[in-house]
Amino acid sequence: MSGYPHNPSGYGAPAQPYGAPQPLAVYGAPPQTKPQKDYHKPSSSPYGIPQRDEYYGSVPVTFPPGTETNAMSCFYTIDKDSDGIIDDKELQKALLSYNDQSFSIPTVRLLMYVFTKTNTRKIGPKDFPQVFRTLQSWRGTFVKFDIDDSRMIDANALRDALTSLGFVVSPVVLDLLMSKFDKTGGKNKTIEYDNFVVCCLIVKGLTEKFMENETSYYGQVTFSYEAFMLTILPVLIA
């Protein structure tokens, strides 16, 4: 398999190092213990939203530093049972409410897998803000390249959109993506927003899997058959 720098064709190469936009915040900060605090008291924070390291219900909730208020608000709204975890059906409803976009359960599960790297089909406050931010970014990217406001983009626009997100694909791969994600089976040669998100998730997930195994920085990886299957299948059947 081939990928990026030193590849004469120049394709398969992430436009940024390692093929993905850099995170905007540091994630995974551990909760701090605050002694002598009644964690069952209602939050007095702005908008009625508990701040990082506060509790709601009986569950500790820790958001990454710099998490936007609207992302926290969205999380608490979705998590009806206040258990600090959102499942696939809850996330599906949230995406419809906050992004005015309906996604299938398989798409939601793929989204959860790409950002949590697990198949538990659950997401917590550590990973949710990145999902929230990324979908907003991808929506903005799609609108930017939908120059005729048709709610669809063609192959050239898809290529440019992926490049702007940090992924450069060859014409052959681009044609494959168009044929896979065009709802008309390639007749219209256009992709709508929901399938654009799936396309981005597949490209992002496979690129990251490639990078996990690429250590030579020459854009090449050697896989055993089993390793190849274990690398690819989790992304495809999340």
Protein backbone atom coordinates (compact mmCIF):
# COMPACT_ATOMS: atom_id res chain seq x y z
CA MET A 1 0.00 0.00 0.00
CA SER A 2 1.30 3.46 -0.71
CA GLY A 3 0.51 6.83 0.70
CA TYR A 4 2.32 10.12 0.85
CA PRO A 5 5.79 11.86 0.82
CA HIS A 6 8.34 10.43 -1.64
CA ASN A 7 5.60 8.79 -3.71
CA PRO A 8 6.24 10.07 -7.26
CA SER A 9 2.53 10.19 -8.05
CA GLY A 10 1.88 12.48 -5.11
CA TYR A 11 -1.41 10.77 -4.38
CA GLY A 12 -2.63 9.10 -1.26
CA ALA A 13 -0.68 11.76 0.60
CA PRO A 14 -2.23 13.68 3.45
CA ALA A 15 -2.01 17.42 2.80
CA GLN A 16 -0.93 17.81 6.41
CA PRO A 17 1.49 15.58 8.38
CA TYR A 18 -0.16 12.26 9.07
CA GLY A 19 -3.23 13.05 7.06
CA ALA A 20 -5.58 14.65 9.49
CA PRO A 21 -6.37 18.12 10.79
CA GLN A 22 -4.63 18.82 14.08
CA PRO A 23 -6.83 18.71 17.19
CA LEU A 24 -7.88 22.07 18.55
CA ALA A 25 -7.57 21.13 22.19
CA VAL A 26 -5.81 18.71 24.48
CA TYR A 27 -8.12 15.83 25.31
CA GLY A 28 -8.26 13.35 28.11
CA ALA A 29 -7.45 15.58 31.10
CA PRO A 30 -8.21 13.60 34.28
CA PRO A 31 -10.87 14.90 36.65
CA GLN A 32 -9.67 16.78 39.70
CA THR A 33 -11.02 15.98 43.12
CA LYS A 34 -12.77 18.84 44.82
CA PRO A 35 -13.17 18.02 48.53
CA GLN A 36 -16.21 18.89 50.60
CA LYS A 37 -18.47 19.52 47.66
CA ASP A 38 -22.05 18.42 47.38
CA TYR A 39 -22.04 16.93 43.89
CA HIS A 40 -25.78 16.51 43.90
CA LYS A 41 -26.48 20.23 44.11
CA PRO A 42 -27.67 21.88 40.91
CA SER A 43 -24.97 23.62 38.92
CA SER A 44 -24.74 27.40 39.19
CA SER A 45 -22.65 27.75 36.03
CA PRO A 46 -23.74 29.89 33.05
CA TYR A 47 -26.63 28.53 31.00
CA GLY A 48 -27.25 25.93 33.72
CA ILE A 49 -24.41 23.81 32.31
CA PRO A 50 -22.06 22.05 34.77
CA GLN A 51 -18.45 23.07 34.27
CA ARG A 52 -15.60 20.62 33.78
CA ASP A 53 -15.01 18.32 36.75
CA GLU A 54 -18.51 18.85 38.15
CA TYR A 55 -21.01 16.06 38.68
CA TYR A 56 -24.57 15.74 37.53
CA GLY A 57 -26.67 12.91 38.81
CA SER A 58 -24.12 10.66 40.50
CA VAL A 59 -21.66 10.43 37.61
CA PRO A 60 -18.39 12.39 37.22
CA VAL A 61 -18.29 14.28 33.93
CA THR A 62 -15.03 15.67 32.59
CA PHE A 63 -14.89 17.62 29.36
CA PRO A 64 -11.59 18.42 27.64
CA PRO A 65 -10.16 21.88 28.35
CA GLY A 66 -11.56 24.44 25.95
CA THR A 67 -14.80 22.57 25.24
CA GLU A 68 -17.38 24.94 23.77
CA THR A 69 -20.47 25.76 25.80
CA ASN A 70 -22.80 24.63 23.03
CA ALA A 71 -21.06 21.23 22.87
CA MET A 72 -21.51 20.75 26.63
CA SER A 73 -25.12 21.87 26.40
CA CYS A 74 -25.73 19.40 23.58
CA PHE A 75 -24.19 16.54 25.58
CA TYR A 76 -26.30 17.18 28.68
CA THR A 77 -29.45 17.53 26.58
CA ILE A 78 -28.82 14.19 24.88
CA ASP A 79 -27.87 12.29 28.03
CA LYS A 80 -31.41 11.97 29.36
CA ASP A 81 -30.58 9.44 32.06
CA SER A 82 -27.54 11.44 33.30
CA ASP A 83 -25.23 8.45 33.20
CA GLY A 84 -22.41 10.35 31.49
CA ILE A 85 -22.60 8.19 28.34
CA ILE A 86 -24.40 8.64 25.02
CA ASP A 87 -25.39 5.60 22.96
CA ASP A 88 -25.86 5.40 19.20
CA LYS A 89 -29.61 6.10 19.21
CA GLU A 90 -29.18 9.10 21.49
CA LEU A 91 -26.44 10.48 19.25
CA GLN A 92 -28.58 9.94 16.16
CA LYS A 93 -31.35 12.07 17.70
CA ALA A 94 -28.83 14.72 18.72
CA LEU A 95 -27.41 15.03 15.22
CA LEU A 96 -30.92 15.55 13.87
CA SER A 97 -31.70 18.20 16.50
CA TYR A 98 -28.44 20.12 16.46
CA ASN A 99 -27.33 19.68 12.84
CA ASP A 100 -30.74 19.41 11.18
CA GLN A 101 -29.46 16.32 9.43
CA SER A 102 -30.64 12.73 9.59
CA PHE A 103 -27.96 10.04 9.71
CA SER A 104 -28.53 6.31 9.60
CA ILE A 105 -27.58 4.18 12.61
CA PRO A 106 -24.68 2.56 10.65
CA THR A 107 -23.30 6.06 9.94
CA VAL A 108 -23.68 7.06 13.59
CA ARG A 109 -21.87 3.89 14.68
CA LEU A 110 -19.06 4.55 12.22
CA LEU A 111 -18.80 8.08 13.57
CA MET A 112 -18.53 6.74 17.11
CA TYR A 113 -15.92 4.17 16.12
CA VAL A 114 -13.69 6.65 14.29
CA PHE A 115 -13.60 9.00 17.26
CA THR A 116 -13.52 6.49 20.13
CA LYS A 117 -11.53 3.70 18.44
CA THR A 118 -13.87 1.16 20.05
CA ASN A 119 -16.97 -0.75 18.97
CA THR A 120 -18.83 -0.17 22.23
CA ARG A 121 -21.26 2.14 20.38
CA LYS A 122 -21.07 4.60 23.25
CA ILE A 123 -19.38 7.96 23.57
CA GLY A 124 -18.55 10.05 26.62
CA PRO A 125 -17.62 13.67 27.37
CA LYS A 126 -13.95 13.11 26.47
CA ASP A 127 -14.65 12.29 22.80
CA PHE A 128 -17.99 13.98 22.21
CA PRO A 129 -16.65 17.56 21.81
CA GLN A 130 -14.39 16.47 18.96
CA VAL A 131 -17.33 14.79 17.21
CA PHE A 132 -19.41 17.93 17.68
CA ARG A 133 -16.62 20.20 16.38
CA THR A 134 -15.69 17.95 13.47
CA LEU A 135 -19.25 17.69 12.16
CA GLN A 136 -19.56 21.46 12.30
CA SER A 137 -16.31 21.76 10.35
CA TRP A 138 -17.38 19.19 7.74
CA ARG A 139 -20.73 20.91 7.32
CA GLY A 140 -18.94 24.17 6.69
CA THR A 141 -16.61 22.49 4.20
CA PHE A 142 -19.49 20.93 2.31
CA VAL A 143 -21.35 24.25 2.07
CA LYS A 144 -18.18 25.98 0.90
CA PHE A 145 -17.74 23.62 -2.05
CA ASP A 146 -21.46 23.41 -2.85
CA ILE A 147 -21.09 26.52 -4.96
CA ASP A 148 -24.48 26.27 -6.68
CA ASP A 149 -26.40 25.55 -3.44
CA SER A 150 -27.71 22.29 -4.89
CA ARG A 151 -26.96 20.41 -1.65
CA MET A 152 -24.73 18.15 -3.73
CA ILE A 153 -21.07 18.29 -4.76
CA ASP A 154 -19.39 16.77 -7.82
CA ALA A 155 -16.09 14.89 -8.09
CA ASN A 156 -13.94 18.02 -8.39
CA ALA A 157 -15.60 19.56 -5.36
CA LEU A 158 -15.17 16.33 -3.39
CA ARG A 159 -11.47 16.24 -4.28
CA ASP A 160 -11.01 19.85 -3.16
CA ALA A 161 -13.04 19.30 0.01
CA LEU A 162 -10.97 16.26 1.02
CA THR A 163 -7.76 18.16 0.27
CA SER A 164 -8.90 21.03 2.48
CA LEU A 165 -9.48 18.50 5.28
CA GLY A 166 -5.96 17.12 4.88
CA PHE A 167 -6.47 14.15 2.54
CA VAL A 168 -5.17 13.94 -1.02
CA VAL A 169 -6.54 11.05 -3.06
CA SER A 170 -5.64 9.89 -6.55
CA PRO A 171 -8.09 10.14 -9.48
CA VAL A 172 -8.67 6.39 -9.27
CA VAL A 173 -9.57 6.57 -5.59
CA LEU A 174 -11.71 9.64 -6.21
CA ASP A 175 -13.70 7.80 -8.88
CA LEU A 176 -14.19 4.88 -6.49
CA LEU A 177 -15.45 7.20 -3.75
CA MET A 178 -17.87 8.87 -6.14
CA SER A 179 -19.28 5.56 -7.36
CA LYS A 180 -19.63 4.32 -3.78
CA PHE A 181 -21.28 7.38 -2.24
CA ASP A 182 -23.38 8.71 -5.12
CA LYS A 183 -26.92 7.66 -4.21
CA THR A 184 -27.71 7.07 -7.87
CA GLY A 185 -24.94 4.52 -8.20
CA GLY A 186 -22.66 6.90 -10.06
CA LYS A 187 -25.18 8.16 -12.62
CA ASN A 188 -25.38 11.70 -11.28
CA LYS A 189 -21.75 11.76 -10.16
CA THR A 190 -22.67 13.86 -7.14
CA ILE A 191 -22.64 13.30 -3.39
CA GLU A 192 -25.11 14.67 -0.85
CA TYR A 193 -24.11 15.84 2.61
CA ASP A 194 -24.99 12.71 4.59
CA ASN A 195 -22.89 10.52 2.28
CA PHE A 196 -20.15 13.16 2.26
CA VAL A 197 -19.86 12.64 6.01
CA VAL A 198 -19.63 8.86 5.53
CA CYS A 199 -16.98 9.37 2.84
CA CYS A 200 -14.94 11.60 5.16
CA LEU A 201 -15.25 9.08 7.99
CA ILE A 202 -14.02 6.23 5.77
CA VAL A 203 -11.09 8.24 4.42
CA LYS A 204 -10.18 9.54 7.88
CA GLY A 205 -10.51 6.13 9.53
CA LEU A 206 -8.49 4.25 6.90
CA THR A 207 -5.80 6.94 6.77
CA GLU A 208 -5.37 6.81 10.53
CA LYS A 209 -5.17 3.01 10.44
CA PHE A 210 -2.51 3.28 7.74
CA MET A 211 -0.52 5.77 9.81
CA GLU A 212 -0.60 3.51 12.84
CA ASN A 213 1.37 0.96 10.84
CA GLU A 214 3.51 3.31 8.72
CA THR A 215 6.89 3.87 10.38
CA SER A 216 9.23 4.44 7.41
CA TYR A 217 7.73 7.80 6.36
CA TYR A 218 7.94 6.65 2.74
CA GLY A 219 4.22 6.03 2.43
CA GLN A 220 4.50 2.26 2.38
CA VAL A 221 3.31 -0.45 4.76
CA THR A 222 3.77 -4.21 4.71
CA PHE A 223 0.86 -6.19 6.13
CA SER A 224 0.28 -9.83 6.80
CA TYR A 225 -3.14 -10.95 5.61
CA GLU A 226 -4.47 -11.14 9.16
CA ALA A 227 -3.08 -7.73 10.09
CA PHE A 228 -4.58 -6.21 6.96
CA MET A 229 -8.02 -7.64 7.73
CA LEU A 230 -7.85 -6.53 11.36
CA THR A 231 -6.85 -3.05 10.24
CA ILE A 232 -9.50 -2.56 7.56
CA LEU A 233 -12.54 -4.43 8.86
CA PRO A 234 -13.14 -2.40 12.04
CA VAL A 235 -13.59 0.72 9.92
CA LEU A 236 -15.82 -0.96 7.36
CA ILE A 237 -18.13 -2.79 9.77
CA ALA A 238 -18.20 -0.40 12.74
